[in-house]
Amino acid sequence: MVRILLSIDDLARTRVVSSFGPVIESIFAVGAWLQGGGEYFRTWRRAVVSELSHRLDLSDRLTRIARSDDVIGDLLAVWSDGQKQAAPGSGIAGMSSEEIMMTVHDFSRFAVRPHWARTQARLDAERDSFRQIMSADGVEAMLRSLHPRIRWNAPVLEIGGAGPGELQLDGRGLLLSPSLFVQGPGHVLLNPAADYALPPAVVFPLRPDTRGRPLLVERDAAGSTDRALAALVGRTRAAALAALLDGT
């Protein structure tokens, strides 16, 4: 569990932003692709698997990254710190920061950026919803509404499943940002947007009832997505990929 201590000054400087852009969402998207993410991401993951079957070099790099015990933590460390080499002993040791971030960008080109306008619209709507709560009922009410496993016990914001650790903001305030792809209750970014001038941030998942239609699924897509996948990679391979994803 991560514990974030917020003073009165920190609460006054706490604000909600819509996102830190497609790169940070792409890091979390790698996690959603690896971890499953449930029915909402099922069709999207099938499309990603299909695309990776034609991109063996990228698939190999993602496999190396996936060996990490903390994929998101390692990716965020490289993104935030710009370190030249992954830490020895981590699952991505031996890959330079440039190679790691190139992998994220390559993944993003077909897994995140084609859906960015729709994703950004949802994140904007979620930001506005939390700002309305803060405006009507105060910042503490907004903190209590972020996620069932993010708890506000004044003066501490507790994020279950993350950490462990404790963070004092020292009057800098806190940024809060929803994410379409985050799995679990949330992640703490000490250096959001790779900008040390910004205060730390908590990135938390969109509420399920505000996500809208699943990624890549339109109104009549119940069978059309499977047919399109079969047409692209062949019925046998499509069936195998569907079985693989259905089992996660």
Foldseek 3Di string as FASTA:
>chain_A
DEKEFADPLQQVQEAEDLDLDLLLLLLLQLVCLVVQVPPLCLLLNLVLVLVCVVVVVLVVLSVQLVQFPCSSVQLLCCVQVVAQAGDPPGSNGPDGSVRSSVSSVVSCVPRPVVCPVVFSVLSVVVRVVLVVCCVVPNSQSSQCPQDPQFHCDPRITGHPPDDYYYHYQPSLYEYEYEHQRHDGAWDKRCQRSSHNSHHIYTYGYDDPVSSPHRPPDDDPVPPVSLVVSCVSPNNVVSVVSSVVSVVD
